[in-house]
Amino acid sequence: MPETPLTLYHTDGCHLCELAMTLLDGLNIRYRTQDICEQETLAERYGVLIPVLANSLGEELCWPFDEQQVKRFTGA
């Protein structure tokens, strides 16, 4: 498990975001969620990219991603 906190940028009703959450949950990856609709700057930045998994180092993994990519990104 990485020491770096992870954030999954998403929004309600996004089926790709739901797929990403299912993937992360299946890998027992701990993450927090951030709805991009709560902040205009996030909506502008991630609007067509979500879901996006980010760490506190500023690195991002944009959809589509799979199990192997998540493992490499998180060090899991």
PDB file of N, CA and C in Angstrom:
ATOM      1  N   MET A   1       0.844  -1.178   0.000  1.00  0.00           N
ATOM      2  CA  MET A   1       0.000   0.000   0.000  1.00  0.00           C
ATOM      3  C   MET A   1       0.888   1.240   0.000  1.00  0.00           C
ATOM      4  N   PRO A   2       0.664   2.151  -0.895  1.00  0.00           N
ATOM      5  CA  PRO A   2       1.503   3.345  -0.940  1.00  0.00           C
ATOM      6  C   PRO A   2       1.235   4.257   0.252  1.00  0.00           C
ATOM      7  N   GLU A   3       2.254   4.995   0.642  1.00  0.00           N
ATOM      8  CA  GLU A   3       2.082   5.964   1.713  1.00  0.00           C
ATOM      9  C   GLU A   3       1.466   7.248   1.176  1.00  0.00           C
ATOM     10  N   THR A   4       1.550   7.447  -0.126  1.00  0.00           N
ATOM     11  CA  THR A   4       1.018   8.647  -0.751  1.00  0.00           C
ATOM     12  C   THR A   4      -0.496   8.537  -0.854  1.00  0.00           C
ATOM     13  N   PRO A   5      -1.238   9.509  -0.310  1.00  0.00           N
ATOM     14  CA  PRO A   5      -2.694   9.458  -0.430  1.00  0.00           C
ATOM     15  C   PRO A   5      -3.125   9.564  -1.896  1.00  0.00           C
ATOM     16  N   LEU A   6      -4.143   8.825  -2.232  1.00  0.00           N
ATOM     17  CA  LEU A   6      -4.675   8.827  -3.593  1.00  0.00           C
ATOM     18  C   LEU A   6      -6.041   9.492  -3.616  1.00  0.00           C
ATOM     19  N   THR A   7      -6.311  10.187  -4.703  1.00  0.00           N
ATOM     20  CA  THR A   7      -7.609  10.818  -4.920  1.00  0.00           C
ATOM     21  C   THR A   7      -8.149  10.345  -6.251  1.00  0.00           C
ATOM     22  N   LEU A   8      -9.409   9.938  -6.259  1.00  0.00           N
ATOM     23  CA  LEU A   8     -10.083   9.597  -7.503  1.00  0.00           C
ATOM     24  C   LEU A   8     -11.036  10.739  -7.832  1.00  0.00           C
ATOM     25  N   TYR A   9     -10.732  11.448  -8.905  1.00  0.00           N
ATOM     26  CA  TYR A   9     -11.620  12.508  -9.382  1.00  0.00           C
ATOM     27  C   TYR A   9     -12.741  11.856 -10.178  1.00  0.00           C
ATOM     28  N   HIS A  10     -13.975  12.234  -9.865  1.00  0.00           N
ATOM     29  CA  HIS A  10     -15.155  11.594 -10.446  1.00  0.00           C
ATOM     30  C   HIS A  10     -16.309  12.584 -10.426  1.00  0.00           C
ATOM     31  N   THR A  11     -17.466  12.111 -10.854  1.00  0.00           N
ATOM     32  CA  THR A  11     -18.718  12.821 -10.629  1.00  0.00           C
ATOM     33  C   THR A  11     -19.843  11.802 -10.574  1.00  0.00           C
ATOM     34  N   ASP A  12     -20.938  12.162  -9.948  1.00  0.00           N
ATOM     35  CA  ASP A  12     -22.083  11.261  -9.840  1.00  0.00           C
ATOM     36  C   ASP A  12     -22.646  10.964 -11.222  1.00  0.00           C
ATOM     37  N   GLY A  13     -23.062   9.723 -11.412  1.00  0.00           N
ATOM     38  CA  GLY A  13     -23.661   9.317 -12.673  1.00  0.00           C
ATOM     39  C   GLY A  13     -22.663   8.954 -13.751  1.00  0.00           C
ATOM     40  N   CYS A  14     -21.395   8.978 -13.435  1.00  0.00           N
ATOM     41  CA  CYS A  14     -20.343   8.636 -14.401  1.00  0.00           C
ATOM     42  C   CYS A  14     -20.088   7.131 -14.327  1.00  0.00           C
ATOM     43  N   HIS A  15     -20.520   6.399 -15.353  1.00  0.00           N
ATOM     44  CA  HIS A  15     -20.368   4.939 -15.304  1.00  0.00           C
ATOM     45  C   HIS A  15     -18.904   4.519 -15.359  1.00  0.00           C
ATOM     46  N   LEU A  16     -18.057   5.291 -16.020  1.00  0.00           N
ATOM     47  CA  LEU A  16     -16.627   4.965 -16.042  1.00  0.00           C
ATOM     48  C   LEU A  16     -16.018   5.148 -14.655  1.00  0.00           C
ATOM     49  N   CYS A  17     -16.497   6.144 -13.937  1.00  0.00           N
ATOM     50  CA  CYS A  17     -16.031   6.375 -12.567  1.00  0.00           C
ATOM     51  C   CYS A  17     -16.421   5.200 -11.672  1.00  0.00           C
ATOM     52  N   GLU A  18     -17.618   4.689 -11.870  1.00  0.00           N
ATOM     53  CA  GLU A  18     -18.064   3.527 -11.106  1.00  0.00           C
ATOM     54  C   GLU A  18     -17.192   2.319 -11.411  1.00  0.00           C
ATOM     55  N   LEU A  19     -16.814   2.144 -12.681  1.00  0.00           N
ATOM     56  CA  LEU A  19     -15.909   1.051 -13.045  1.00  0.00           C
ATOM     57  C   LEU A  19     -14.554   1.216 -12.367  1.00  0.00           C
ATOM     58  N   ALA A  20     -14.048   2.440 -12.341  1.00  0.00           N
ATOM     59  CA  ALA A  20     -12.759   2.707 -11.699  1.00  0.00           C
ATOM     60  C   ALA A  20     -12.826   2.404 -10.202  1.00  0.00           C
ATOM     61  N   MET A  21     -13.909   2.812  -9.537  1.00  0.00           N
ATOM     62  CA  MET A  21     -14.065   2.545  -8.107  1.00  0.00           C
ATOM     63  C   MET A  21     -14.114   1.045  -7.840  1.00  0.00           C
ATOM     64  N   THR A  22     -14.822   0.316  -8.687  1.00  0.00           N
ATOM     65  CA  THR A  22     -14.904  -1.134  -8.537  1.00  0.00           C
ATOM     66  C   THR A  22     -13.524  -1.760  -8.688  1.00  0.00           C
ATOM     67  N   LEU A  23     -12.760  -1.290  -9.661  1.00  0.00           N
ATOM     68  CA  LEU A  23     -11.403  -1.791  -9.877  1.00  0.00           C
ATOM     69  C   LEU A  23     -10.525  -1.513  -8.654  1.00  0.00           C
ATOM     70  N   LEU A  24     -10.535  -0.278  -8.165  1.00  0.00           N
ATOM     71  CA  LEU A  24      -9.717   0.088  -7.006  1.00  0.00           C
ATOM     72  C   LEU A  24     -10.137  -0.683  -5.758  1.00  0.00           C
ATOM     73  N   ASP A  25     -11.439  -0.815  -5.550  1.00  0.00           N
ATOM     74  CA  ASP A  25     -11.938  -1.557  -4.395  1.00  0.00           C
ATOM     75  C   ASP A  25     -11.518  -3.021  -4.473  1.00  0.00           C
ATOM     76  N   GLY A  26     -11.561  -3.598  -5.672  1.00  0.00           N
ATOM     77  CA  GLY A  26     -11.161  -4.985  -5.864  1.00  0.00           C
ATOM     78  C   GLY A  26      -9.690  -5.227  -5.589  1.00  0.00           C
ATOM     79  N   LEU A  27      -8.888  -4.190  -5.733  1.00  0.00           N
ATOM     80  CA  LEU A  27      -7.451  -4.281  -5.454  1.00  0.00           C
ATOM     81  C   LEU A  27      -7.122  -3.845  -4.025  1.00  0.00           C
ATOM     82  N   ASN A  28      -8.151  -3.522  -3.253  1.00  0.00           N
ATOM     83  CA  ASN A  28      -7.980  -3.030  -1.883  1.00  0.00           C
ATOM     84  C   ASN A  28      -7.094  -1.791  -1.822  1.00  0.00           C
ATOM     85  N   ILE A  29      -7.257  -0.926  -2.817  1.00  0.00           N
ATOM     86  CA  ILE A  29      -6.525   0.337  -2.870  1.00  0.00           C
ATOM     87  C   ILE A  29      -7.317   1.364  -2.066  1.00  0.00           C
ATOM     88  N   ARG A  30      -6.648   2.018  -1.136  1.00  0.00           N
ATOM     89  CA  ARG A  30      -7.312   3.068  -0.354  1.00  0.00           C
ATOM     90  C   ARG A  30      -7.201   4.381  -1.116  1.00  0.00           C
ATOM     91  N   TYR A  31      -8.320   5.082  -1.199  1.00  0.00           N
ATOM     92  CA  TYR A  31      -8.364   6.347  -1.928  1.00  0.00           C
ATOM     93  C   TYR A  31      -9.510   7.184  -1.391  1.00  0.00           C
ATOM     94  N   ARG A  32      -9.435   8.454  -1.669  1.00  0.00           N
ATOM     95  CA  ARG A  32     -10.563   9.332  -1.357  1.00  0.00           C
ATOM     96  C   ARG A  32     -11.160   9.769  -2.679  1.00  0.00           C
ATOM     97  N   THR A  33     -12.406  10.156  -2.661  1.00  0.00           N
ATOM     98  CA  THR A  33     -13.057  10.623  -3.879  1.00  0.00           C
ATOM     99  C   THR A  33     -13.236  12.131  -3.821  1.00  0.00           C
ATOM    100  N   GLN A  34     -13.185  12.739  -4.985  1.00  0.00           N
ATOM    101  CA  GLN A  34     -13.424  14.180  -5.117  1.00  0.00           C
ATOM    102  C   GLN A  34     -14.328  14.387  -6.320  1.00  0.00           C
ATOM    103  N   ASP A  35     -15.538  14.857  -6.064  1.00  0.00           N
ATOM    104  CA  ASP A  35     -16.487  15.137  -7.141  1.00  0.00           C
ATOM    105  C   ASP A  35     -16.060  16.430  -7.832  1.00  0.00           C
ATOM    106  N   ILE A  36     -15.782  16.344  -9.118  1.00  0.00           N
ATOM    107  CA  ILE A  36     -15.278  17.515  -9.844  1.00  0.00           C
ATOM    108  C   ILE A  36     -16.332  18.607  -9.976  1.00  0.00           C
ATOM    109  N   CYS A  37     -17.605  18.258  -9.804  1.00  0.00           N
ATOM    110  CA  CYS A  37     -18.666  19.261  -9.930  1.00  0.00           C
ATOM    111  C   CYS A  37     -18.734  20.189  -8.720  1.00  0.00           C
ATOM    112  N   GLU A  38     -17.996  19.863  -7.666  1.00  0.00           N
ATOM    113  CA  GLU A  38     -17.999  20.699  -6.469  1.00  0.00           C
ATOM    114  C   GLU A  38     -17.105  21.925  -6.612  1.00  0.00           C
ATOM    115  N   GLN A  39     -16.195  21.896  -7.595  1.00  0.00           N
ATOM    116  CA  GLN A  39     -15.293  23.031  -7.808  1.00  0.00           C
ATOM    117  C   GLN A  39     -15.159  23.285  -9.303  1.00  0.00           C
ATOM    118  N   GLU A  40     -15.410  24.503  -9.700  1.00  0.00           N
ATOM    119  CA  GLU A  40     -15.367  24.853 -11.121  1.00  0.00           C
ATOM    120  C   GLU A  40     -14.005  24.556 -11.748  1.00  0.00           C
ATOM    121  N   THR A  41     -12.936  24.808 -11.011  1.00  0.00           N
ATOM    122  CA  THR A  41     -11.596  24.561 -11.565  1.00  0.00           C
ATOM    123  C   THR A  41     -11.372  23.079 -11.834  1.00  0.00           C
ATOM    124  N   LEU A  42     -11.905  22.222 -10.964  1.00  0.00           N
ATOM    125  CA  LEU A  42     -11.777  20.779 -11.185  1.00  0.00           C
ATOM    126  C   LEU A  42     -12.617  20.342 -12.375  1.00  0.00           C
ATOM    127  N   ALA A  43     -13.812  20.891 -12.498  1.00  0.00           N
ATOM    128  CA  ALA A  43     -14.677  20.556 -13.632  1.00  0.00           C
ATOM    129  C   ALA A  43     -14.017  20.950 -14.944  1.00  0.00           C
ATOM    130  N   GLU A  44     -13.381  22.115 -14.959  1.00  0.00           N
ATOM    131  CA  GLU A  44     -12.697  22.565 -16.175  1.00  0.00           C
ATOM    132  C   GLU A  44     -11.493  21.684 -16.496  1.00  0.00           C
ATOM    133  N   ARG A  45     -10.771  21.288 -15.464  1.00  0.00           N
ATOM    134  CA  ARG A  45      -9.551  20.502 -15.681  1.00  0.00           C
ATOM    135  C   ARG A  45      -9.841  19.051 -16.056  1.00  0.00           C
ATOM    136  N   TYR A  46     -10.800  18.431 -15.359  1.00  0.00           N
ATOM    137  CA  TYR A  46     -11.017  16.991 -15.503  1.00  0.00           C
ATOM    138  C   TYR A  46     -12.311  16.614 -16.213  1.00  0.00           C
ATOM    139  N   GLY A  47     -13.077  17.582 -16.669  1.00  0.00           N
ATOM    140  CA  GLY A  47     -14.400  17.330 -17.225  1.00  0.00           C
ATOM    141  C   GLY A  47     -14.518  16.160 -18.178  1.00  0.00           C
ATOM    142  N   VAL A  48     -13.625  16.070 -19.152  1.00  0.00           N
ATOM    143  CA  VAL A  48     -13.714  14.987 -20.141  1.00  0.00           C
ATOM    144  C   VAL A  48     -12.703  13.882 -19.869  1.00  0.00           C
ATOM    145  N   LEU A  49     -11.956  13.996 -18.786  1.00  0.00           N
ATOM    146  CA  LEU A  49     -10.903  13.022 -18.489  1.00  0.00           C
ATOM    147  C   LEU A  49     -11.294  11.998 -17.435  1.00  0.00           C
ATOM    148  N   ILE A  50     -12.303  12.307 -16.618  1.00  0.00           N
ATOM    149  CA  ILE A  50     -12.616  11.436 -15.487  1.00  0.00           C
ATOM    150  C   ILE A  50     -13.043  10.053 -15.948  1.00  0.00           C
ATOM    151  N   PRO A  51     -12.728   9.077 -15.109  1.00  0.00           N
ATOM    152  CA  PRO A  51     -12.080   9.150 -13.813  1.00  0.00           C
ATOM    153  C   PRO A  51     -10.561   9.340 -13.935  1.00  0.00           C
ATOM    154  N   VAL A  52     -10.012  10.057 -12.972  1.00  0.00           N
ATOM    155  CA  VAL A  52      -8.570  10.287 -12.902  1.00  0.00           C
ATOM    156  C   VAL A  52      -8.116   9.953 -11.490  1.00  0.00           C
ATOM    157  N   LEU A  53      -7.097   9.103 -11.393  1.00  0.00           N
ATOM    158  CA  LEU A  53      -6.499   8.759 -10.111  1.00  0.00           C
ATOM    159  C   LEU A  53      -5.240   9.599  -9.954  1.00  0.00           C
ATOM    160  N   ALA A  54      -5.126  10.299  -8.835  1.00  0.00           N
ATOM    161  CA  ALA A  54      -3.988  11.194  -8.617  1.00  0.00           C
ATOM    162  C   ALA A  54      -3.355  10.925  -7.259  1.00  0.00           C
ATOM    163  N   ASN A  55      -2.043  11.180  -7.192  1.00  0.00           N
ATOM    164  CA  ASN A  55      -1.366  11.086  -5.896  1.00  0.00           C
ATOM    165  C   ASN A  55      -0.930  12.478  -5.461  1.00  0.00           C
ATOM    166  N   SER A  56      -0.399  12.573  -4.265  1.00  0.00           N
ATOM    167  CA  SER A  56      -0.039  13.886  -3.717  1.00  0.00           C
ATOM    168  C   SER A  56       1.221  14.461  -4.350  1.00  0.00           C
ATOM    169  N   LEU A  57       1.891  13.689  -5.190  1.00  0.00           N
ATOM    170  CA  LEU A  57       3.071  14.176  -5.906  1.00  0.00           C
ATOM    171  C   LEU A  57       2.693  14.897  -7.193  1.00  0.00           C
ATOM    172  N   GLY A  58       1.390  14.908  -7.504  1.00  0.00           N
ATOM    173  CA  GLY A  58       0.927  15.558  -8.723  1.00  0.00           C
ATOM    174  C   GLY A  58       0.878  14.634  -9.921  1.00  0.00           C
ATOM    175  N   GLU A  59       1.181  13.366  -9.716  1.00  0.00           N
ATOM    176  CA  GLU A  59       1.111  12.388 -10.805  1.00  0.00           C
ATOM    177  C   GLU A  59      -0.335  11.948 -10.974  1.00  0.00           C
ATOM    178  N   GLU A  60      -0.729  11.709 -12.220  1.00  0.00           N
ATOM    179  CA  GLU A  60      -2.108  11.334 -12.520  1.00  0.00           C
ATOM    180  C   GLU A  60      -2.154  10.136 -13.456  1.00  0.00           C
ATOM    181  N   LEU A  61      -3.141   9.299 -13.229  1.00  0.00           N
ATOM    182  CA  LEU A  61      -3.423   8.162 -14.094  1.00  0.00           C
ATOM    183  C   LEU A  61      -4.832   8.375 -14.629  1.00  0.00           C
ATOM    184  N   CYS A  62      -4.921   8.674 -15.914  1.00  0.00           N
ATOM    185  CA  CYS A  62      -6.211   8.977 -16.541  1.00  0.00           C
ATOM    186  C   CYS A  62      -6.832   7.721 -17.127  1.00  0.00           C
ATOM    187  N   TRP A  63      -8.136   7.696 -17.130  1.00  0.00           N
ATOM    188  CA  TRP A  63      -8.905   6.607 -17.733  1.00  0.00           C
ATOM    189  C   TRP A  63      -8.692   6.617 -19.228  1.00  0.00           C
ATOM    190  N   PRO A  64      -8.591   5.466 -19.861  1.00  0.00           N
ATOM    191  CA  PRO A  64      -8.792   4.133 -19.301  1.00  0.00           C
ATOM    192  C   PRO A  64      -7.525   3.596 -18.637  1.00  0.00           C
ATOM    193  N   PHE A  65      -7.717   2.937 -17.495  1.00  0.00           N
ATOM    194  CA  PHE A  65      -6.615   2.236 -16.849  1.00  0.00           C
ATOM    195  C   PHE A  65      -7.110   0.877 -16.397  1.00  0.00           C
ATOM    196  N   ASP A  66      -6.153  -0.057 -16.291  1.00  0.00           N
ATOM    197  CA  ASP A  66      -6.496  -1.417 -15.906  1.00  0.00           C
ATOM    198  C   ASP A  66      -5.762  -1.785 -14.619  1.00  0.00           C
ATOM    199  N   GLU A  67      -5.954  -3.014 -14.190  1.00  0.00           N
ATOM    200  CA  GLU A  67      -5.382  -3.493 -12.933  1.00  0.00           C
ATOM    201  C   GLU A  67      -3.862  -3.327 -12.898  1.00  0.00           C
ATOM    202  N   GLN A  68      -3.190  -3.725 -13.966  1.00  0.00           N
ATOM    203  CA  GLN A  68      -1.727  -3.632 -13.994  1.00  0.00           C
ATOM    204  C   GLN A  68      -1.250  -2.183 -13.933  1.00  0.00           C
ATOM    205  N   GLN A  69      -1.919  -1.304 -14.636  1.00  0.00           N
ATOM    206  CA  GLN A  69      -1.540   0.112 -14.612  1.00  0.00           C
ATOM    207  C   GLN A  69      -1.745   0.710 -13.220  1.00  0.00           C
ATOM    208  N   VAL A  70      -2.829   0.341 -12.562  1.00  0.00           N
ATOM    209  CA  VAL A  70      -3.087   0.832 -11.207  1.00  0.00           C
ATOM    210  C   VAL A  70      -2.014   0.315 -10.254  1.00  0.00           C
ATOM    211  N   LYS A  71      -1.664  -0.950 -10.377  1.00  0.00           N
ATOM    212  CA  LYS A  71      -0.629  -1.521  -9.506  1.00  0.00           C
ATOM    213  C   LYS A  71       0.704  -0.804  -9.698  1.00  0.00           C
ATOM    214  N   ARG A  72       1.065  -0.537 -10.939  1.00  0.00           N
ATOM    215  CA  ARG A  72       2.317   0.191 -11.195  1.00  0.00           C
ATOM    216  C   ARG A  72       2.242   1.606 -10.631  1.00  0.00           C
ATOM    217  N   PHE A  73       1.128   2.267 -10.834  1.00  0.00           N
ATOM    218  CA  PHE A  73       0.958   3.648 -10.387  1.00  0.00           C
ATOM    219  C   PHE A  73       1.003   3.757  -8.862  1.00  0.00           C
ATOM    220  N   THR A  74       0.401   2.796  -8.183  1.00  0.00           N
ATOM    221  CA  THR A  74       0.295   2.859  -6.727  1.00  0.00           C
ATOM    222  C   THR A  74       1.417   2.122  -6.010  1.00  0.00           C
ATOM    223  N   GLY A  75       2.137   1.288  -6.732  1.00  0.00           N
ATOM    224  CA  GLY A  75       3.162   0.477  -6.087  1.00  0.00           C
ATOM    225  C   GLY A  75       2.574  -0.698  -5.329  1.00  0.00           C
ATOM    226  N   ALA A  76       1.323  -1.032  -5.626  1.00  0.00           N
ATOM    227  CA  ALA A  76       0.641  -2.139  -4.928  1.00  0.00           C
ATOM    228  C   ALA A  76       1.129  -3.484  -5.431  1.00  0.00           C
TER     229      ALA A  76
END
